[in-house]
Protein backbone atom coordinates (compact mmCIF):
# COMPACT_ATOMS: atom_id res chain seq x y z
CA UNK A 1 -133.57 120.89 71.92
CA UNK A 2 -129.90 120.83 72.72
CA UNK A 3 -128.99 117.19 73.31
CA UNK A 4 -130.24 113.69 72.52
CA UNK A 5 -129.31 110.06 73.08
CA UNK A 6 -130.70 106.70 71.94
CA UNK A 7 -132.02 104.66 74.86
CA UNK A 8 -131.47 100.90 75.32
CA UNK A 9 -135.11 100.35 74.23
CA UNK A 10 -134.51 102.10 70.89
CA UNK A 11 -136.30 105.35 71.64
CA UNK A 12 -134.78 108.81 71.40
CA UNK A 13 -134.41 110.89 74.56
CA UNK A 14 -134.15 114.66 74.01
CA UNK A 15 -133.34 117.52 76.36
CA UNK A 16 -132.51 121.20 76.29
CA UNK A 17 -132.98 124.52 78.04
CA UNK A 18 -136.38 123.59 79.48
CA UNK A 19 -137.64 121.49 82.39
CA UNK A 20 -138.51 118.30 80.47
CA UNK A 21 -136.84 115.23 79.01
CA UNK A 22 -138.87 114.04 76.03
CA UNK A 23 -138.85 110.40 74.91
CA UNK A 24 -139.72 109.86 71.25
CA UNK A 25 -140.67 106.55 69.64
CA UNK A 26 -138.76 106.57 66.35
CA UNK A 27 -140.99 103.94 64.72
CA UNK A 28 -144.25 105.76 65.46
CA UNK A 29 -142.65 109.23 65.36
CA UNK A 30 -144.59 110.30 68.43
CA UNK A 31 -143.84 111.47 71.94
CA UNK A 32 -144.32 108.59 74.39
CA UNK A 33 -143.01 110.02 77.65
CA UNK A 34 -142.25 113.42 79.15
CA UNK A 35 -140.28 113.54 82.40
CA UNK A 36 -139.62 116.70 84.36
CA UNK A 37 -135.96 117.19 85.26
CA UNK A 38 -135.06 118.36 88.76
CA UNK A 39 -132.96 121.27 87.54
CA UNK A 40 -133.96 123.94 85.10
CA UNK A 41 -132.49 122.24 82.07
CA UNK A 42 -130.67 119.32 80.51
CA UNK A 43 -127.63 120.42 78.54
CA UNK A 44 -125.84 117.06 78.09
CA UNK A 45 -127.07 113.45 77.81
CA UNK A 46 -124.90 110.33 77.94
CA UNK A 47 -125.74 106.61 77.89
CA UNK A 48 -124.33 104.07 80.35
CA UNK A 49 -125.34 100.38 80.62
CA UNK A 50 -127.05 101.05 83.99
CA UNK A 51 -128.10 104.70 83.65
CA UNK A 52 -129.08 107.53 81.37
CA UNK A 53 -126.93 110.43 82.59
CA UNK A 54 -127.98 114.05 82.24
CA UNK A 55 -125.98 117.16 83.02
CA UNK A 56 -127.32 120.66 83.60
CA UNK A 57 -125.64 124.03 83.18
CA UNK A 58 -125.52 124.51 86.95
CA UNK A 59 -122.85 121.82 87.47
CA UNK A 60 -125.06 118.86 88.42
CA UNK A 61 -125.10 115.35 86.87
CA UNK A 62 -128.21 113.22 87.39
CA UNK A 63 -128.33 109.44 86.87
CA UNK A 64 -131.70 108.15 85.64
CA UNK A 65 -133.08 104.62 85.48
CA UNK A 66 -133.08 103.81 81.72
CA UNK A 67 -136.51 102.14 81.72
CA UNK A 68 -138.50 104.59 83.88
CA UNK A 69 -136.26 107.70 83.70
CA UNK A 70 -136.72 108.12 87.45
CA UNK A 71 -133.84 109.77 89.31
CA UNK A 72 -131.47 107.27 90.91
CA UNK A 73 -128.60 109.60 91.94
CA UNK A 74 -127.77 113.31 91.78
CA UNK A 75 -124.16 114.52 91.95
CA UNK A 76 -123.15 118.16 92.47
CA UNK A 77 -119.95 118.21 90.38
CA UNK A 78 -119.20 121.92 90.01
CA UNK A 79 -120.38 125.07 91.75
CA UNK A 80 -120.40 126.81 88.37
CA UNK A 81 -121.29 125.68 84.88
CA UNK A 82 -120.81 122.11 83.63
CA UNK A 83 -119.07 122.09 80.23
CA UNK A 84 -119.05 118.36 79.49
CA UNK A 85 -118.89 114.92 81.08
CA UNK A 86 -118.42 111.29 80.15
CA UNK A 87 -119.04 107.94 81.83
CA UNK A 88 -117.04 104.76 81.38
CA UNK A 89 -117.54 101.73 83.60
CA UNK A 90 -117.89 103.00 87.16
CA UNK A 91 -116.10 106.30 86.47
CA UNK A 92 -117.64 109.71 85.84
CA UNK A 93 -115.36 112.45 84.50
CA UNK A 94 -116.57 116.05 84.33
CA UNK A 95 -115.17 119.36 83.20
CA UNK A 96 -116.69 122.62 84.27
CA UNK A 97 -116.27 125.73 86.35
CA UNK A 98 -116.12 126.13 90.12
CA UNK A 99 -115.48 129.12 92.32
CA UNK A 100 -112.42 129.07 94.56
């Protein structure tokens, strides 16, 4: 595990250098959902009122539906590695590496 975020439903969503997002029910302390990510990993997770946002090390940010975790949008932000990102309102700000 490398990153985690609390979902609007009160569960914990965890990701890392593997192909799955794992949703954990904190009351029952058991895994309730496993969703395969489109990339090879999930290095960063952020919460937004309309989306759960995940970033991978290959420069891509994916916006997931918070209730089903299905992919709503995928954005290729950098051609190199994504270092970090944040969301606020309708703005997405990323920092990472791109080749010239």
